[in-house]
PDB file of N, CA and C in Angstrom:
ATOM      1  N   UNK A   1      -3.575   2.262  13.579  1.00  0.00           N
ATOM      2  CA  UNK A   1      -2.105   2.472  13.050  1.00  0.00           C
ATOM      3  C   UNK A   1      -2.017   2.184  11.655  1.00  0.00           C
ATOM      4  N   UNK A   2      -2.550   0.916  11.096  1.00  0.00           N
ATOM      5  CA  UNK A   2      -2.421   0.848   9.836  1.00  0.00           C
ATOM      6  C   UNK A   2      -3.237   1.760   8.829  1.00  0.00           C
ATOM      7  N   UNK A   3      -4.216   2.432   9.437  1.00  0.00           N
ATOM      8  CA  UNK A   3      -5.048   3.274   8.630  1.00  0.00           C
ATOM      9  C   UNK A   3      -4.415   4.720   8.577  1.00  0.00           C
ATOM     10  N   UNK A   4      -3.180   4.883   9.298  1.00  0.00           N
ATOM     11  CA  UNK A   4      -2.442   6.263   9.098  1.00  0.00           C
ATOM     12  C   UNK A   4      -2.821   7.244  10.205  1.00  0.00           C
ATOM     13  N   UNK A   5      -3.380   6.823  11.173  1.00  0.00           N
ATOM     14  CA  UNK A   5      -3.588   7.790  12.284  1.00  0.00           C
ATOM     15  C   UNK A   5      -2.518   8.513  12.713  1.00  0.00           C
ATOM     16  N   UNK A   6      -1.388   7.970  12.899  1.00  0.00           N
ATOM     17  CA  UNK A   6      -0.119   8.557  13.222  1.00  0.00           C
ATOM     18  C   UNK A   6       0.084   9.620  12.106  1.00  0.00           C
ATOM     19  N   UNK A   7       0.105   9.389  10.946  1.00  0.00           N
ATOM     20  CA  UNK A   7       0.306  10.385   9.960  1.00  0.00           C
ATOM     21  C   UNK A   7      -0.544  11.530   9.875  1.00  0.00           C
ATOM     22  N   UNK A   8      -1.776  11.214  10.091  1.00  0.00           N
ATOM     23  CA  UNK A   8      -2.642  12.595  10.350  1.00  0.00           C
ATOM     24  C   UNK A   8      -2.306  13.286  11.615  1.00  0.00           C
ATOM     25  N   UNK A   9      -1.834  12.661  12.696  1.00  0.00           N
ATOM     26  CA  UNK A   9      -1.470  13.375  13.845  1.00  0.00           C
ATOM     27  C   UNK A   9      -0.213  14.370  13.551  1.00  0.00           C
ATOM     28  N   UNK A  10       0.780  13.708  13.006  1.00  0.00           N
ATOM     29  CA  UNK A  10       1.988  14.331  12.626  1.00  0.00           C
ATOM     30  C   UNK A  10       1.707  15.411  11.787  1.00  0.00           C
ATOM     31  N   UNK A  11       0.782  15.216  10.650  1.00  0.00           N
ATOM     32  CA  UNK A  11       0.311  16.480   9.779  1.00  0.00           C
ATOM     33  C   UNK A  11      -0.234  17.653  10.521  1.00  0.00           C
ATOM     34  N   UNK A  12      -1.081  17.345  11.460  1.00  0.00           N
ATOM     35  CA  UNK A  12      -1.805  18.236  12.425  1.00  0.00           C
ATOM     36  C   UNK A  12      -0.777  18.937  13.148  1.00  0.00           C
ATOM     37  N   UNK A  13       0.326  18.188  13.747  1.00  0.00           N
ATOM     38  CA  UNK A  13       1.338  18.798  14.584  1.00  0.00           C
ATOM     39  C   UNK A  13       2.151  19.807  13.571  1.00  0.00           C
ATOM     40  N   UNK A  14       2.598  19.414  12.274  1.00  0.00           N
ATOM     41  CA  UNK A  14       3.290  20.375  11.525  1.00  0.00           C
ATOM     42  C   UNK A  14       2.350  21.469  10.944  1.00  0.00           C
ATOM     43  N   UNK A  15       1.225  21.205  10.649  1.00  0.00           N
ATOM     44  CA  UNK A  15       0.474  22.282  10.085  1.00  0.00           C
ATOM     45  C   UNK A  15       0.187  23.542  11.273  1.00  0.00           C
ATOM     46  N   UNK A  16      -0.096  22.957  12.466  1.00  0.00           N
ATOM     47  CA  UNK A  16      -0.250  23.814  13.700  1.00  0.00           C
ATOM     48  C   UNK A  16       0.787  23.788  14.632  1.00  0.00           C
ATOM     49  N   UNK A  17       2.039  23.945  13.966  1.00  0.00           N
ATOM     50  CA  UNK A  17       3.341  23.869  14.978  1.00  0.00           C
ATOM     51  C   UNK A  17       3.346  25.007  15.802  1.00  0.00           C
ATOM     52  N   UNK A  18       2.766  26.056  15.611  1.00  0.00           N
ATOM     53  CA  UNK A  18       2.903  27.313  16.494  1.00  0.00           C
ATOM     54  C   UNK A  18       1.760  27.207  17.603  1.00  0.00           C
ATOM     55  N   UNK A  19       0.981  26.196  17.492  1.00  0.00           N
ATOM     56  CA  UNK A  19      -0.178  26.049  18.531  1.00  0.00           C
ATOM     57  C   UNK A  19       0.136  25.021  19.624  1.00  0.00           C
ATOM     58  N   UNK A  20       0.632  25.567  20.666  1.00  0.00           N
ATOM     59  CA  UNK A  20       1.139  24.562  21.608  1.00  0.00           C
ATOM     60  C   UNK A  20       0.168  23.551  22.110  1.00  0.00           C
ATOM     61  N   UNK A  21      -1.020  23.941  22.254  1.00  0.00           N
ATOM     62  CA  UNK A  21      -2.020  22.926  22.707  1.00  0.00           C
ATOM     63  C   UNK A  21      -2.270  21.832  21.764  1.00  0.00           C
ATOM     64  N   UNK A  22      -2.318  22.300  20.247  1.00  0.00           N
ATOM     65  CA  UNK A  22      -2.386  20.976  19.221  1.00  0.00           C
ATOM     66  C   UNK A  22      -1.071  20.243  19.249  1.00  0.00           C
ATOM     67  N   UNK A  23       0.080  20.856  19.485  1.00  0.00           N
ATOM     68  CA  UNK A  23       1.431  20.065  19.531  1.00  0.00           C
ATOM     69  C   UNK A  23       1.374  19.213  20.762  1.00  0.00           C
ATOM     70  N   UNK A  24       0.981  19.732  21.887  1.00  0.00           N
ATOM     71  CA  UNK A  24       1.035  18.873  22.912  1.00  0.00           C
ATOM     72  C   UNK A  24      -0.015  17.532  22.994  1.00  0.00           C
ATOM     73  N   UNK A  25      -1.155  17.754  22.320  1.00  0.00           N
ATOM     74  CA  UNK A  25      -2.103  16.720  22.132  1.00  0.00           C
ATOM     75  C   UNK A  25      -1.709  15.852  21.128  1.00  0.00           C
ATOM     76  N   UNK A  26      -0.920  16.285  19.974  1.00  0.00           N
ATOM     77  CA  UNK A  26      -0.326  15.535  19.009  1.00  0.00           C
ATOM     78  C   UNK A  26       0.835  14.609  19.526  1.00  0.00           C
ATOM     79  N   UNK A  27       1.709  15.023  20.414  1.00  0.00           N
ATOM     80  CA  UNK A  27       2.719  14.420  21.150  1.00  0.00           C
ATOM     81  C   UNK A  27       2.082  13.351  21.813  1.00  0.00           C
ATOM     82  N   UNK A  28       1.199  13.520  22.631  1.00  0.00           N
ATOM     83  CA  UNK A  28       0.415  12.602  23.354  1.00  0.00           C
ATOM     84  C   UNK A  28      -0.120  11.553  22.904  1.00  0.00           C
ATOM     85  N   UNK A  29      -0.838  11.795  21.631  1.00  0.00           N
ATOM     86  CA  UNK A  29      -1.368  10.639  20.837  1.00  0.00           C
ATOM     87  C   UNK A  29      -0.427   9.758  20.394  1.00  0.00           C
ATOM     88  N   UNK A  30       0.918  10.505  19.724  1.00  0.00           N
ATOM     89  CA  UNK A  30       2.000   9.570  19.239  1.00  0.00           C
ATOM     90  C   UNK A  30       2.557   8.745  20.261  1.00  0.00           C
ATOM     91  N   UNK A  31       2.677   9.205  21.648  1.00  0.00           N
ATOM     92  CA  UNK A  31       3.175   8.644  22.809  1.00  0.00           C
ATOM     93  C   UNK A  31       2.137   7.290  23.031  1.00  0.00           C
ATOM     94  N   UNK A  32       1.027   7.665  22.824  1.00  0.00           N
ATOM     95  CA  UNK A  32      -0.020   6.441  23.296  1.00  0.00           C
ATOM     96  C   UNK A  32       0.187   5.436  22.148  1.00  0.00           C
ATOM     97  N   UNK A  33       0.095   5.807  20.918  1.00  0.00           N
ATOM     98  CA  UNK A  33       0.399   4.783  19.929  1.00  0.00           C
ATOM     99  C   UNK A  33       1.748   3.982  20.209  1.00  0.00           C
ATOM    100  N   UNK A  34       2.864   4.674  20.379  1.00  0.00           N
ATOM    101  CA  UNK A  34       4.128   4.099  20.708  1.00  0.00           C
ATOM    102  C   UNK A  34       4.147   3.097  21.896  1.00  0.00           C
ATOM    103  N   UNK A  35       3.208   3.557  22.731  1.00  0.00           N
ATOM    104  CA  UNK A  35       3.213   2.705  24.121  1.00  0.00           C
ATOM    105  C   UNK A  35       2.393   1.650  24.325  1.00  0.00           C
ATOM    106  N   UNK A  36       1.210   1.751  23.592  1.00  0.00           N
ATOM    107  CA  UNK A  36       0.303   0.713  23.642  1.00  0.00           C
ATOM    108  C   UNK A  36       0.515  -0.466  23.121  1.00  0.00           C
ATOM    109  N   UNK A  37       1.222  -0.555  21.928  1.00  0.00           N
ATOM    110  CA  UNK A  37       1.437  -1.776  21.083  1.00  0.00           C
ATOM    111  C   UNK A  37       2.700  -1.994  20.503  1.00  0.00           C
ATOM    112  N   UNK A  38       3.296  -2.953  20.960  1.00  0.00           N
ATOM    113  CA  UNK A  38       4.857  -3.181  20.510  1.00  0.00           C
ATOM    114  C   UNK A  38       5.054  -3.158  18.997  1.00  0.00           C
ATOM    115  N   UNK A  39       3.909  -3.900  18.382  1.00  0.00           N
ATOM    116  CA  UNK A  39       4.118  -3.915  16.943  1.00  0.00           C
ATOM    117  C   UNK A  39       4.070  -2.593  16.257  1.00  0.00           C
ATOM    118  N   UNK A  40       3.715  -1.514  16.941  1.00  0.00           N
ATOM    119  CA  UNK A  40       3.547  -0.260  16.426  1.00  0.00           C
ATOM    120  C   UNK A  40       4.930   0.455  16.269  1.00  0.00           C
ATOM    121  N   UNK A  41       5.934   0.159  16.991  1.00  0.00           N
ATOM    122  CA  UNK A  41       7.086   0.967  17.346  1.00  0.00           C
ATOM    123  C   UNK A  41       8.030   1.045  16.034  1.00  0.00           C
ATOM    124  N   UNK A  42       8.214  -0.172  15.449  1.00  0.00           N
ATOM    125  CA  UNK A  42       9.062  -0.055  14.326  1.00  0.00           C
ATOM    126  C   UNK A  42       8.471   0.795  13.396  1.00  0.00           C
ATOM    127  N   UNK A  43       7.126   0.364  12.902  1.00  0.00           N
ATOM    128  CA  UNK A  43       6.413   1.286  11.735  1.00  0.00           C
ATOM    129  C   UNK A  43       6.482   2.869  12.250  1.00  0.00           C
ATOM    130  N   UNK A  44       6.029   3.160  13.329  1.00  0.00           N
ATOM    131  CA  UNK A  44       6.076   4.573  13.833  1.00  0.00           C
ATOM    132  C   UNK A  44       7.440   5.086  13.507  1.00  0.00           C
ATOM    133  N   UNK A  45       8.539   4.638  14.001  1.00  0.00           N
ATOM    134  CA  UNK A  45       9.932   5.058  13.725  1.00  0.00           C
ATOM    135  C   UNK A  45      10.075   5.198  12.291  1.00  0.00           C
ATOM    136  N   UNK A  46      10.000   4.139  11.515  1.00  0.00           N
ATOM    137  CA  UNK A  46      10.102   4.182  10.209  1.00  0.00           C
ATOM    138  C   UNK A  46       9.347   5.338   9.264  1.00  0.00           C
ATOM    139  N   UNK A  47       8.152   5.720  10.049  1.00  0.00           N
ATOM    140  CA  UNK A  47       7.407   6.810   9.282  1.00  0.00           C
ATOM    141  C   UNK A  47       7.839   8.159   9.993  1.00  0.00           C
ATOM    142  N   UNK A  48       8.647   8.212  10.734  1.00  0.00           N
ATOM    143  CA  UNK A  48       9.269   9.585  11.378  1.00  0.00           C
ATOM    144  C   UNK A  48       8.629  10.061  12.688  1.00  0.00           C
ATOM    145  N   UNK A  49       8.093   9.357  13.406  1.00  0.00           N
ATOM    146  CA  UNK A  49       7.445   9.795  14.715  1.00  0.00           C
ATOM    147  C   UNK A  49       8.597  10.485  15.619  1.00  0.00           C
ATOM    148  N   UNK A  50       9.570   9.907  15.629  1.00  0.00           N
ATOM    149  CA  UNK A  50      10.760  10.367  16.510  1.00  0.00           C
ATOM    150  C   UNK A  50      11.082  11.577  16.001  1.00  0.00           C
ATOM    151  N   UNK A  51      11.275  11.898  14.565  1.00  0.00           N
ATOM    152  CA  UNK A  51      11.638  13.364  14.330  1.00  0.00           C
ATOM    153  C   UNK A  51      10.658  14.333  14.650  1.00  0.00           C
ATOM    154  N   UNK A  52       9.348  13.861  14.529  1.00  0.00           N
ATOM    155  CA  UNK A  52       8.155  14.754  14.573  1.00  0.00           C
ATOM    156  C   UNK A  52       8.043  15.191  16.023  1.00  0.00           C
ATOM    157  N   UNK A  53       8.251  14.357  16.996  1.00  0.00           N
ATOM    158  CA  UNK A  53       8.402  14.841  18.428  1.00  0.00           C
ATOM    159  C   UNK A  53       9.440  15.524  18.792  1.00  0.00           C
ATOM    160  N   UNK A  54      10.657  15.168  18.390  1.00  0.00           N
ATOM    161  CA  UNK A  54      11.859  15.810  18.615  1.00  0.00           C
ATOM    162  C   UNK A  54      11.759  17.299  18.160  1.00  0.00           C
ATOM    163  N   UNK A  55      11.010  17.637  16.891  1.00  0.00           N
ATOM    164  CA  UNK A  55      11.056  18.962  16.276  1.00  0.00           C
ATOM    165  C   UNK A  55      10.089  19.683  17.237  1.00  0.00           C
ATOM    166  N   UNK A  56       8.858  19.002  17.752  1.00  0.00           N
ATOM    167  CA  UNK A  56       7.826  19.706  18.501  1.00  0.00           C
ATOM    168  C   UNK A  56       8.730  20.035  19.835  1.00  0.00           C
ATOM    169  N   UNK A  57       9.383  19.105  20.640  1.00  0.00           N
ATOM    170  CA  UNK A  57      10.030  19.383  21.892  1.00  0.00           C
ATOM    171  C   UNK A  57      11.028  20.678  21.509  1.00  0.00           C
ATOM    172  N   UNK A  58      11.721  20.844  20.432  1.00  0.00           N
ATOM    173  CA  UNK A  58      12.470  21.890  20.245  1.00  0.00           C
ATOM    174  C   UNK A  58      11.613  23.053  19.973  1.00  0.00           C
ATOM    175  N   UNK A  59      10.765  23.173  19.233  1.00  0.00           N
ATOM    176  CA  UNK A  59       9.852  24.272  19.004  1.00  0.00           C
ATOM    177  C   UNK A  59       9.235  24.869  20.215  1.00  0.00           C
ATOM    178  N   UNK A  60       8.772  23.851  21.178  1.00  0.00           N
ATOM    179  CA  UNK A  60       8.026  24.282  22.306  1.00  0.00           C
ATOM    180  C   UNK A  60       8.806  23.861  23.484  1.00  0.00           C
ATOM    181  N   UNK A  61      10.076  24.111  23.662  1.00  0.00           N
ATOM    182  CA  UNK A  61      10.902  23.836  24.686  1.00  0.00           C
ATOM    183  C   UNK A  61      10.566  24.327  25.959  1.00  0.00           C
ATOM    184  N   UNK A  62       9.643  25.400  25.995  1.00  0.00           N
ATOM    185  CA  UNK A  62       9.280  25.977  27.190  1.00  0.00           C
ATOM    186  C   UNK A  62       8.041  25.516  27.913  1.00  0.00           C
ATOM    187  N   UNK A  63       7.492  24.230  27.163  1.00  0.00           N
ATOM    188  CA  UNK A  63       6.169  23.810  27.566  1.00  0.00           C
ATOM    189  C   UNK A  63       6.436  22.315  28.121  1.00  0.00           C
ATOM    190  N   UNK A  64       6.190  22.240  29.453  1.00  0.00           N
ATOM    191  CA  UNK A  64       6.549  20.923  30.030  1.00  0.00           C
ATOM    192  C   UNK A  64       5.723  19.771  29.426  1.00  0.00           C
ATOM    193  N   UNK A  65       4.378  20.101  29.009  1.00  0.00           N
ATOM    194  CA  UNK A  65       3.563  19.283  28.598  1.00  0.00           C
ATOM    195  C   UNK A  65       4.029  18.492  27.275  1.00  0.00           C
ATOM    196  N   UNK A  66       4.493  19.277  26.301  1.00  0.00           N
ATOM    197  CA  UNK A  66       5.037  18.933  25.022  1.00  0.00           C
ATOM    198  C   UNK A  66       6.375  18.079  25.520  1.00  0.00           C
ATOM    199  N   UNK A  67       7.031  18.595  26.342  1.00  0.00           N
ATOM    200  CA  UNK A  67       8.451  17.931  26.596  1.00  0.00           C
ATOM    201  C   UNK A  67       8.090  16.598  27.229  1.00  0.00           C
ATOM    202  N   UNK A  68       7.219  16.504  28.205  1.00  0.00           N
ATOM    203  CA  UNK A  68       6.775  15.132  28.778  1.00  0.00           C
ATOM    204  C   UNK A  68       6.197  14.114  27.561  1.00  0.00           C
ATOM    205  N   UNK A  69       5.485  14.559  26.839  1.00  0.00           N
ATOM    206  CA  UNK A  69       4.693  13.801  25.800  1.00  0.00           C
ATOM    207  C   UNK A  69       5.847  13.371  24.686  1.00  0.00           C
ATOM    208  N   UNK A  70       6.588  14.341  24.564  1.00  0.00           N
ATOM    209  CA  UNK A  70       7.722  13.981  23.391  1.00  0.00           C
ATOM    210  C   UNK A  70       8.835  12.918  24.005  1.00  0.00           C
ATOM    211  N   UNK A  71       9.122  13.177  25.197  1.00  0.00           N
ATOM    212  CA  UNK A  71       9.900  12.299  25.857  1.00  0.00           C
ATOM    213  C   UNK A  71       9.500  10.779  26.113  1.00  0.00           C
ATOM    214  N   UNK A  72       7.944  10.856  26.351  1.00  0.00           N
ATOM    215  CA  UNK A  72       7.491   9.699  26.470  1.00  0.00           C
ATOM    216  C   UNK A  72       7.343   8.929  25.350  1.00  0.00           C
ATOM    217  N   UNK A  73       7.219   9.579  24.141  1.00  0.00           N
ATOM    218  CA  UNK A  73       6.935   8.766  22.806  1.00  0.00           C
ATOM    219  C   UNK A  73       8.400   8.222  22.489  1.00  0.00           C
ATOM    220  N   UNK A  74       9.444   9.101  22.714  1.00  0.00           N
ATOM    221  CA  UNK A  74      10.739   8.486  22.540  1.00  0.00           C
ATOM    222  C   UNK A  74      11.278   7.377  23.236  1.00  0.00           C
ATOM    223  N   UNK A  75      10.825   7.451  24.597  1.00  0.00           N
ATOM    224  CA  UNK A  75      11.077   6.425  25.604  1.00  0.00           C
ATOM    225  C   UNK A  75      10.310   5.087  25.092  1.00  0.00           C
ATOM    226  N   UNK A  76       9.171   5.178  24.939  1.00  0.00           N
ATOM    227  CA  UNK A  76       8.342   4.146  24.166  1.00  0.00           C
ATOM    228  C   UNK A  76       9.063   3.363  23.163  1.00  0.00           C
ATOM    229  N   UNK A  77       9.510   4.435  22.051  1.00  0.00           N
ATOM    230  CA  UNK A  77      10.025   3.807  20.768  1.00  0.00           C
ATOM    231  C   UNK A  77      11.344   3.105  21.130  1.00  0.00           C
ATOM    232  N   UNK A  78      12.108   3.623  22.063  1.00  0.00           N
ATOM    233  CA  UNK A  78      13.367   3.135  22.516  1.00  0.00           C
ATOM    234  C   UNK A  78      13.300   1.649  23.013  1.00  0.00           C
ATOM    235  N   UNK A  79      12.235   1.292  23.503  1.00  0.00           N
ATOM    236  CA  UNK A  79      11.839  -0.135  24.154  1.00  0.00           C
ATOM    237  C   UNK A  79      11.988  -1.234  23.109  1.00  0.00           C
ATOM    238  N   UNK A  80      11.731  -0.718  21.775  1.00  0.00           N
ATOM    239  CA  UNK A  80      11.776  -1.610  20.596  1.00  0.00           C
ATOM    240  C   UNK A  80      13.138  -2.116  20.391  1.00  0.00           C
ATOM    241  N   UNK A  81      13.279  -3.342  20.256  1.00  0.00           N
ATOM    242  CA  UNK A  81      14.516  -3.999  20.161  1.00  0.00           C
ATOM    243  C   UNK A  81      14.987  -3.676  18.642  1.00  0.00           C
ATOM    244  N   UNK A  82      16.335  -3.025  18.714  1.00  0.00           N
ATOM    245  CA  UNK A  82      16.941  -2.504  17.634  1.00  0.00           C
ATOM    246  C   UNK A  82      16.843  -1.142  17.263  1.00  0.00           C
ATOM    247  N   UNK A  83      15.758  -0.450  17.879  1.00  0.00           N
ATOM    248  CA  UNK A  83      15.717   1.101  17.668  1.00  0.00           C
ATOM    249  C   UNK A  83      16.582   1.862  18.330  1.00  0.00           C
ATOM    250  N   UNK A  84      17.237   1.322  19.376  1.00  0.00           N
ATOM    251  CA  UNK A  84      18.175   2.032  20.175  1.00  0.00           C
ATOM    252  C   UNK A  84      19.273   2.925  19.395  1.00  0.00           C
ATOM    253  N   UNK A  85      19.978   2.180  18.671  1.00  0.00           N
ATOM    254  CA  UNK A  85      21.060   2.801  17.818  1.00  0.00           C
ATOM    255  C   UNK A  85      20.471   3.780  16.771  1.00  0.00           C
ATOM    256  N   UNK A  86      19.265   3.465  16.126  1.00  0.00           N
ATOM    257  CA  UNK A  86      18.727   4.410  15.109  1.00  0.00           C
ATOM    258  C   UNK A  86      18.284   5.725  15.772  1.00  0.00           C
ATOM    259  N   UNK A  87      17.844   5.635  17.124  1.00  0.00           N
ATOM    260  CA  UNK A  87      17.245   6.632  17.763  1.00  0.00           C
ATOM    261  C   UNK A  87      18.315   7.620  18.013  1.00  0.00           C
ATOM    262  N   UNK A  88      19.698   6.895  18.331  1.00  0.00           N
ATOM    263  CA  UNK A  88      20.600   7.883  18.990  1.00  0.00           C
ATOM    264  C   UNK A  88      21.369   8.570  17.636  1.00  0.00           C
ATOM    265  N   UNK A  89      21.432   7.676  16.549  1.00  0.00           N
ATOM    266  CA  UNK A  89      21.953   8.327  15.279  1.00  0.00           C
ATOM    267  C   UNK A  89      21.221   9.456  14.749  1.00  0.00           C
ATOM    268  N   UNK A  90      19.792   9.418  14.938  1.00  0.00           N
ATOM    269  CA  UNK A  90      19.064  10.499  14.609  1.00  0.00           C
ATOM    270  C   UNK A  90      18.785  11.732  15.564  1.00  0.00           C
ATOM    271  N   UNK A  91      19.564  11.672  16.626  1.00  0.00           N
ATOM    272  CA  UNK A  91      19.591  12.727  17.493  1.00  0.00           C
ATOM    273  C   UNK A  91      18.667  12.600  18.531  1.00  0.00           C
ATOM    274  N   UNK A  92      17.787  11.642  19.047  1.00  0.00           N
ATOM    275  CA  UNK A  92      16.956  11.316  19.985  1.00  0.00           C
ATOM    276  C   UNK A  92      17.608  11.303  21.499  1.00  0.00           C
ATOM    277  N   UNK A  93      18.841  11.331  21.609  1.00  0.00           N
ATOM    278  CA  UNK A  93      19.632  11.431  22.799  1.00  0.00           C
ATOM    279  C   UNK A  93      19.689  12.848  23.199  1.00  0.00           C
TER     280      UNK A  93
END
């Protein structure tokens, strides 16, 4: 996380936004980063992971894999104390 893996994943998702397989894998990777380590949640939020997965879910609304991974990432971020209001403010609800 400190080395910027999440930023590389978000860049890949943006660059290949039209490729559902890349976006699905990117959302899954971001979900894992948000789920596995509590210390990752606030920095991931600060770096815009929530907006990246929300954009992916909107772009690929017809793909259940993208929706599942994006919702999982948002759910994981929402478990961090203090992020609930910010997530709602930014439209994650």
